[in-house]
Structures are given as C-alpha cells and as structure tokens.
N, C-alpha and C. Protein backbone atom coordinates (compact mmCIF):
# COMPACT_ATOMS: atom_id res chain seq x y z
N UNK A 1 0.85 -1.17 0.00
CA UNK A 1 0.00 0.00 0.00
C UNK A 1 0.89 1.23 0.00
N UNK A 2 0.50 2.20 -0.78
CA UNK A 2 1.28 3.44 -0.95
C UNK A 2 0.65 4.55 -0.10
N UNK A 3 1.39 5.05 0.88
CA UNK A 3 0.88 6.06 1.81
C UNK A 3 0.56 7.37 1.10
N UNK A 4 1.39 7.77 0.17
CA UNK A 4 1.16 9.03 -0.55
C UNK A 4 -0.13 8.97 -1.36
N UNK A 5 -0.36 7.87 -2.03
CA UNK A 5 -1.59 7.70 -2.81
C UNK A 5 -2.81 7.66 -1.89
N UNK A 6 -2.68 6.98 -0.77
CA UNK A 6 -3.78 6.92 0.19
C UNK A 6 -4.14 8.31 0.69
N UNK A 7 -3.16 9.13 1.01
CA UNK A 7 -3.42 10.49 1.48
C UNK A 7 -4.10 11.32 0.39
N UNK A 8 -3.63 11.17 -0.83
CA UNK A 8 -4.20 11.95 -1.94
C UNK A 8 -5.66 11.57 -2.18
N UNK A 9 -5.97 10.29 -2.12
CA UNK A 9 -7.34 9.85 -2.33
C UNK A 9 -8.22 10.17 -1.12
N UNK A 10 -7.66 10.11 0.07
CA UNK A 10 -8.43 10.31 1.30
C UNK A 10 -8.99 11.71 1.43
N UNK A 11 -8.35 12.70 0.84
CA UNK A 11 -8.88 14.06 0.96
C UNK A 11 -10.19 14.23 0.20
N UNK A 12 -10.55 13.26 -0.63
CA UNK A 12 -11.79 13.32 -1.38
C UNK A 12 -12.91 12.50 -0.73
N UNK A 13 -12.61 11.87 0.40
CA UNK A 13 -13.60 11.02 1.09
C UNK A 13 -13.82 11.60 2.48
N UNK A 14 -15.02 12.13 2.73
CA UNK A 14 -15.32 12.80 4.00
C UNK A 14 -15.06 11.91 5.21
N UNK A 15 -15.39 10.64 5.12
CA UNK A 15 -15.25 9.72 6.26
C UNK A 15 -13.79 9.50 6.65
N UNK A 16 -12.85 9.79 5.77
CA UNK A 16 -11.44 9.59 6.08
C UNK A 16 -10.74 10.88 6.51
N UNK A 17 -11.47 11.98 6.54
CA UNK A 17 -10.90 13.25 6.98
C UNK A 17 -11.01 13.38 8.50
N UNK A 18 -10.09 14.10 9.12
CA UNK A 18 -10.21 14.34 10.56
C UNK A 18 -11.48 15.13 10.88
N UNK A 19 -12.06 14.93 12.07
CA UNK A 19 -13.31 15.62 12.40
C UNK A 19 -13.20 17.14 12.39
N UNK A 20 -12.02 17.68 12.60
CA UNK A 20 -11.86 19.14 12.65
C UNK A 20 -11.51 19.75 11.30
N UNK A 21 -11.47 18.96 10.25
CA UNK A 21 -11.07 19.48 8.94
C UNK A 21 -12.19 20.33 8.34
N UNK A 22 -11.80 21.23 7.46
CA UNK A 22 -12.77 22.09 6.77
C UNK A 22 -13.56 21.25 5.78
N UNK A 23 -14.83 21.59 5.63
CA UNK A 23 -15.67 20.85 4.70
C UNK A 23 -15.33 21.26 3.27
N UNK A 24 -15.02 20.28 2.44
CA UNK A 24 -14.65 20.54 1.06
C UNK A 24 -15.84 20.24 0.16
N UNK A 25 -15.96 21.00 -0.91
CA UNK A 25 -17.02 20.77 -1.89
C UNK A 25 -16.43 19.90 -3.01
N UNK A 26 -16.42 18.60 -2.77
CA UNK A 26 -15.83 17.65 -3.71
C UNK A 26 -16.94 17.09 -4.59
N UNK A 27 -16.80 17.14 -5.90
CA UNK A 27 -17.82 16.57 -6.79
C UNK A 27 -18.05 15.09 -6.50
N UNK A 28 -19.30 14.68 -6.68
CA UNK A 28 -19.66 13.28 -6.40
C UNK A 28 -18.81 12.30 -7.22
N UNK A 29 -18.55 12.63 -8.46
CA UNK A 29 -17.76 11.74 -9.31
C UNK A 29 -16.34 11.57 -8.77
N UNK A 30 -15.77 12.63 -8.19
CA UNK A 30 -14.43 12.54 -7.60
C UNK A 30 -14.46 11.68 -6.34
N UNK A 31 -15.54 11.78 -5.55
CA UNK A 31 -15.67 10.95 -4.37
C UNK A 31 -15.77 9.48 -4.75
N UNK A 32 -16.56 9.20 -5.76
CA UNK A 32 -16.71 7.81 -6.22
C UNK A 32 -15.37 7.27 -6.72
N UNK A 33 -14.66 8.07 -7.50
CA UNK A 33 -13.35 7.64 -8.01
C UNK A 33 -12.36 7.41 -6.86
N UNK A 34 -12.40 8.26 -5.84
CA UNK A 34 -11.50 8.09 -4.69
C UNK A 34 -11.83 6.83 -3.91
N UNK A 35 -13.11 6.54 -3.73
CA UNK A 35 -13.52 5.32 -3.03
C UNK A 35 -13.05 4.09 -3.80
N UNK A 36 -13.23 4.11 -5.10
CA UNK A 36 -12.76 2.98 -5.92
C UNK A 36 -11.25 2.85 -5.86
N UNK A 37 -10.55 3.98 -5.92
CA UNK A 37 -9.09 3.96 -5.86
C UNK A 37 -8.57 3.42 -4.55
N UNK A 38 -9.16 3.85 -3.44
CA UNK A 38 -8.74 3.35 -2.14
C UNK A 38 -9.07 1.86 -2.03
N UNK A 39 -10.22 1.47 -2.55
CA UNK A 39 -10.58 0.05 -2.53
C UNK A 39 -9.58 -0.80 -3.29
N UNK A 40 -9.16 -0.33 -4.45
CA UNK A 40 -8.16 -1.07 -5.22
C UNK A 40 -6.80 -1.07 -4.53
N UNK A 41 -6.47 0.05 -3.91
CA UNK A 41 -5.19 0.17 -3.22
C UNK A 41 -5.10 -0.78 -2.02
N UNK A 42 -6.22 -0.93 -1.31
CA UNK A 42 -6.24 -1.77 -0.11
C UNK A 42 -6.73 -3.19 -0.38
N UNK A 43 -7.00 -3.51 -1.62
CA UNK A 43 -7.48 -4.84 -1.97
C UNK A 43 -6.50 -5.91 -1.48
N UNK A 44 -7.03 -6.87 -0.73
CA UNK A 44 -6.21 -7.98 -0.26
C UNK A 44 -5.34 -7.68 0.95
N UNK A 45 -5.50 -6.50 1.58
CA UNK A 45 -4.65 -6.16 2.72
C UNK A 45 -5.25 -6.54 4.07
N UNK A 46 -6.52 -6.89 4.11
CA UNK A 46 -7.22 -7.25 5.35
C UNK A 46 -7.24 -6.10 6.36
N UNK A 47 -7.32 -4.86 5.89
CA UNK A 47 -7.42 -3.69 6.76
C UNK A 47 -8.90 -3.48 7.11
N UNK A 48 -9.29 -3.92 8.30
CA UNK A 48 -10.69 -3.90 8.70
C UNK A 48 -11.28 -2.49 8.72
N UNK A 49 -10.56 -1.53 9.30
CA UNK A 49 -11.10 -0.17 9.40
C UNK A 49 -11.37 0.42 8.02
N UNK A 50 -10.44 0.23 7.10
CA UNK A 50 -10.63 0.78 5.76
C UNK A 50 -11.81 0.09 5.07
N UNK A 51 -11.95 -1.20 5.27
CA UNK A 51 -13.08 -1.92 4.68
C UNK A 51 -14.40 -1.39 5.23
N UNK A 52 -14.46 -1.15 6.54
CA UNK A 52 -15.68 -0.64 7.15
C UNK A 52 -16.02 0.76 6.65
N UNK A 53 -15.01 1.62 6.54
CA UNK A 53 -15.23 2.98 6.05
C UNK A 53 -15.72 2.96 4.62
N UNK A 54 -15.08 2.18 3.77
CA UNK A 54 -15.48 2.13 2.36
C UNK A 54 -16.88 1.54 2.20
N UNK A 55 -17.20 0.51 2.95
CA UNK A 55 -18.54 -0.07 2.88
C UNK A 55 -19.61 0.92 3.34
N UNK A 56 -19.30 1.69 4.38
CA UNK A 56 -20.27 2.69 4.84
C UNK A 56 -20.46 3.79 3.79
N UNK A 57 -19.38 4.16 3.11
CA UNK A 57 -19.48 5.18 2.06
C UNK A 57 -20.24 4.65 0.84
N UNK A 58 -20.04 3.41 0.50
CA UNK A 58 -20.74 2.82 -0.64
C UNK A 58 -22.24 2.75 -0.37
N UNK A 59 -22.61 2.45 0.87
CA UNK A 59 -24.01 2.31 1.24
C UNK A 59 -24.71 3.62 1.54
N UNK A 60 -24.00 4.72 1.51
CA UNK A 60 -24.59 6.01 1.86
C UNK A 60 -25.47 6.53 0.72
N UNK A 61 -26.60 7.09 1.09
CA UNK A 61 -27.54 7.65 0.11
C UNK A 61 -27.14 9.09 -0.19
N UNK A 62 -27.15 9.51 -1.47
CA UNK A 62 -26.84 10.90 -1.79
C UNK A 62 -27.74 11.84 -1.01
N UNK A 63 -27.16 12.89 -0.45
CA UNK A 63 -27.86 13.73 0.51
C UNK A 63 -28.73 14.82 -0.11
N UNK A 64 -28.35 15.37 -1.21
CA UNK A 64 -29.05 16.55 -1.69
C UNK A 64 -29.69 16.34 -3.06
N UNK A 65 -30.71 17.10 -3.31
CA UNK A 65 -31.38 17.05 -4.61
C UNK A 65 -30.43 17.50 -5.72
N UNK A 66 -29.59 18.51 -5.42
CA UNK A 66 -28.64 18.99 -6.42
C UNK A 66 -27.71 17.87 -6.87
N UNK A 67 -27.31 17.03 -5.93
CA UNK A 67 -26.45 15.91 -6.26
C UNK A 67 -27.18 14.93 -7.17
N UNK A 68 -28.44 14.66 -6.85
CA UNK A 68 -29.23 13.75 -7.68
C UNK A 68 -29.41 14.32 -9.08
N UNK A 69 -29.63 15.62 -9.17
CA UNK A 69 -29.77 16.26 -10.48
C UNK A 69 -28.45 16.17 -11.25
N UNK A 70 -27.33 16.40 -10.57
CA UNK A 70 -26.04 16.33 -11.25
C UNK A 70 -25.70 14.92 -11.71
N UNK A 71 -26.30 13.92 -11.07
CA UNK A 71 -26.07 12.54 -11.46
C UNK A 71 -27.01 12.11 -12.59
N UNK A 72 -27.93 13.00 -12.99
CA UNK A 72 -28.83 12.69 -14.09
C UNK A 72 -30.24 12.32 -13.67
N UNK A 73 -30.51 12.31 -12.37
CA UNK A 73 -31.86 12.03 -11.89
C UNK A 73 -32.67 13.32 -11.94
N UNK A 74 -33.98 13.18 -12.05
CA UNK A 74 -34.89 14.32 -12.03
C UNK A 74 -34.66 15.29 -13.18
N UNK A 75 -34.15 14.84 -14.31
CA UNK A 75 -33.88 15.76 -15.40
C UNK A 75 -35.17 16.26 -16.06
N UNK A 76 -36.25 15.51 -15.95
CA UNK A 76 -37.50 15.93 -16.60
C UNK A 76 -38.41 16.71 -15.67
N UNK A 77 -38.07 16.87 -14.42
CA UNK A 77 -38.90 17.61 -13.49
C UNK A 77 -38.74 19.11 -13.72
N UNK A 78 -39.82 19.80 -13.59
CA UNK A 78 -39.85 21.25 -13.64
C UNK A 78 -39.33 21.84 -14.95
N UNK A 79 -39.42 21.07 -16.03
CA UNK A 79 -39.05 21.64 -17.32
C UNK A 79 -40.26 22.42 -17.84
N UNK A 80 -40.02 23.56 -18.41
CA UNK A 80 -41.09 24.38 -18.93
C UNK A 80 -41.62 23.77 -20.22
N UNK A 81 -42.93 23.82 -20.37
CA UNK A 81 -43.54 23.31 -21.59
C UNK A 81 -43.55 24.39 -22.65
N UNK A 82 -43.78 24.01 -23.86
CA UNK A 82 -43.76 24.95 -24.97
C UNK A 82 -45.00 25.82 -25.06
N UNK A 83 -45.99 25.66 -24.15
CA UNK A 83 -47.23 26.44 -24.20
C UNK A 83 -47.05 27.80 -23.69
C-alpha cells in the first residue's frame, strides 16, 4: 500500500478526513473515483477499518437534490412546456 496515494485519495472522502477538517465541496464523481481507488489500493490487505469505512461510504444515500440532479436524476422535473 502506498501512503502518498492513500493520502491523496483520502482528501476526497469525508469519512477519512479528521473531524476538525474544513468541509470541502468535492464533486460526487471525484468521491466515487476516490472510493474505488482506495478500494483497489487496499485490496487484499485485510485492513478492517478501511473496509468498514469504504462499505459505509458505498451504502450512503446521496444527501441533496442537487447531487441527484447532477447525477442525471430528475432531469425531466420542472421543465417548462412549450405552451
């Protein structure tokens, strides 16, 4: 496991940041990529804490409507009609 890569990916995952850290506005796609990257990095290492954190992040429901819209959900809602 590469510590430098882990640190770089961890700044994009809220659950891996210290509790006193500033809240970052990280795009959802970057968070997903970081979770996948950390998962691949720790694959086969038997690191229980990292497995628990990643599983909790994978199971988390997107929090905001804006996030759902940015992911392509709700694209047909509130569209103006041609009338």
